[in-house]
C-alpha cells in the first residue's frame, strides 16, 4: 500500500505482488488494460 502513494511505481510493485490476476482487474478498472498489458 505504501508504494501506491508513489504512483505508477507503486502500481507496478502491487501488480507483481498480487499477480497477473490482480493486474488485469486493476488495469480493467483503470480502463487502460490493453495499454498496460501491451
N, C-alpha and C. Protein backbone atom coordinates (compact mmCIF):
# COMPACT_ATOMS: atom_id res chain seq x y z
N UNK A 1 0.84 -1.20 0.00
CA UNK A 1 0.00 0.00 0.00
C UNK A 1 0.88 1.25 0.00
N UNK A 2 2.01 1.19 0.66
CA UNK A 2 2.89 2.36 0.72
C UNK A 2 3.33 2.78 -0.67
N UNK A 3 3.65 1.79 -1.51
CA UNK A 3 4.12 2.11 -2.87
C UNK A 3 3.05 2.83 -3.67
N UNK A 4 1.79 2.59 -3.36
CA UNK A 4 0.70 3.20 -4.12
C UNK A 4 0.82 4.72 -4.10
N UNK A 5 1.29 5.25 -2.99
CA UNK A 5 1.41 6.71 -2.88
C UNK A 5 2.39 7.27 -3.91
N UNK A 6 3.41 6.50 -4.22
CA UNK A 6 4.42 6.97 -5.17
C UNK A 6 3.80 7.16 -6.56
N UNK A 7 2.86 6.33 -6.91
CA UNK A 7 2.20 6.49 -8.21
C UNK A 7 2.40 5.26 -9.08
N UNK A 8 2.81 5.47 -10.33
CA UNK A 8 2.98 4.36 -11.27
C UNK A 8 3.93 3.32 -10.68
N UNK A 9 5.01 3.76 -10.06
CA UNK A 9 5.98 2.82 -9.48
C UNK A 9 5.30 1.89 -8.49
N UNK A 10 4.45 2.47 -7.65
CA UNK A 10 3.74 1.67 -6.66
C UNK A 10 2.83 0.65 -7.34
N UNK A 11 2.16 1.08 -8.39
CA UNK A 11 1.25 0.18 -9.10
C UNK A 11 2.00 -1.04 -9.61
N UNK A 12 3.18 -0.81 -10.19
CA UNK A 12 3.97 -1.91 -10.74
C UNK A 12 4.29 -2.92 -9.64
N UNK A 13 4.67 -2.41 -8.47
CA UNK A 13 5.01 -3.31 -7.36
C UNK A 13 3.77 -4.08 -6.91
N UNK A 14 2.66 -3.37 -6.82
CA UNK A 14 1.41 -4.02 -6.37
C UNK A 14 1.02 -5.11 -7.37
N UNK A 15 1.16 -4.82 -8.64
CA UNK A 15 0.77 -5.81 -9.66
C UNK A 15 1.59 -7.08 -9.50
N UNK A 16 2.90 -6.91 -9.31
CA UNK A 16 3.76 -8.09 -9.15
C UNK A 16 3.38 -8.85 -7.89
N UNK A 17 3.05 -8.11 -6.84
CA UNK A 17 2.71 -8.74 -5.56
C UNK A 17 1.41 -9.55 -5.70
N UNK A 18 0.40 -8.95 -6.28
CA UNK A 18 -0.89 -9.65 -6.41
C UNK A 18 -0.85 -10.67 -7.54
N UNK A 19 -0.11 -10.36 -8.59
CA UNK A 19 -0.01 -11.30 -9.72
C UNK A 19 -0.78 -10.79 -10.93
N UNK A 20 -0.74 -11.55 -12.00
CA UNK A 20 -1.42 -11.14 -13.24
C UNK A 20 -2.91 -10.99 -13.01
N UNK A 21 -3.49 -11.86 -12.20
CA UNK A 21 -4.94 -11.81 -11.95
C UNK A 21 -5.33 -10.43 -11.45
N UNK A 22 -4.65 -9.95 -10.40
CA UNK A 22 -4.96 -8.64 -9.84
C UNK A 22 -4.62 -7.56 -10.86
N UNK A 23 -3.52 -7.75 -11.57
CA UNK A 23 -3.11 -6.76 -12.57
C UNK A 23 -4.20 -6.53 -13.60
N UNK A 24 -4.80 -7.61 -14.05
CA UNK A 24 -5.87 -7.48 -15.06
C UNK A 24 -7.06 -6.73 -14.50
N UNK A 25 -7.41 -7.03 -13.25
CA UNK A 25 -8.55 -6.35 -12.63
C UNK A 25 -8.27 -4.86 -12.49
N UNK A 26 -7.09 -4.54 -11.99
CA UNK A 26 -6.72 -3.12 -11.81
C UNK A 26 -6.69 -2.41 -13.16
N UNK A 27 -6.07 -3.05 -14.14
CA UNK A 27 -5.97 -2.45 -15.47
C UNK A 27 -7.36 -2.25 -16.06
N UNK A 28 -8.23 -3.24 -15.89
CA UNK A 28 -9.58 -3.14 -16.44
C UNK A 28 -10.33 -1.99 -15.80
N UNK A 29 -10.20 -1.86 -14.48
CA UNK A 29 -10.88 -0.78 -13.76
C UNK A 29 -10.35 0.57 -14.23
N UNK A 30 -9.05 0.64 -14.48
CA UNK A 30 -8.46 1.90 -14.92
C UNK A 30 -8.86 2.20 -16.36
N UNK A 31 -9.28 1.17 -17.09
CA UNK A 31 -9.68 1.36 -18.49
C UNK A 31 -8.46 1.38 -19.40
N UNK A 32 -7.28 1.07 -18.85
CA UNK A 32 -6.06 1.06 -19.65
C UNK A 32 -5.49 -0.35 -19.74
N UNK A 33 -6.32 -1.34 -19.55
CA UNK A 33 -5.87 -2.73 -19.59
C UNK A 33 -5.00 -3.04 -20.79
N UNK A 34 -5.52 -2.87 -22.01
CA UNK A 34 -4.77 -3.19 -23.22
C UNK A 34 -3.45 -2.42 -23.29
N UNK A 35 -3.48 -1.14 -22.88
CA UNK A 35 -2.28 -0.30 -22.96
C UNK A 35 -1.22 -0.80 -21.97
N UNK A 36 -1.63 -1.10 -20.75
CA UNK A 36 -0.67 -1.54 -19.73
C UNK A 36 -0.10 -2.90 -20.10
N UNK A 37 -0.97 -3.83 -20.52
CA UNK A 37 -0.51 -5.17 -20.86
C UNK A 37 0.33 -5.12 -22.13
N UNK A 38 -0.07 -4.26 -23.06
CA UNK A 38 0.65 -4.16 -24.33
C UNK A 38 1.97 -3.47 -24.12
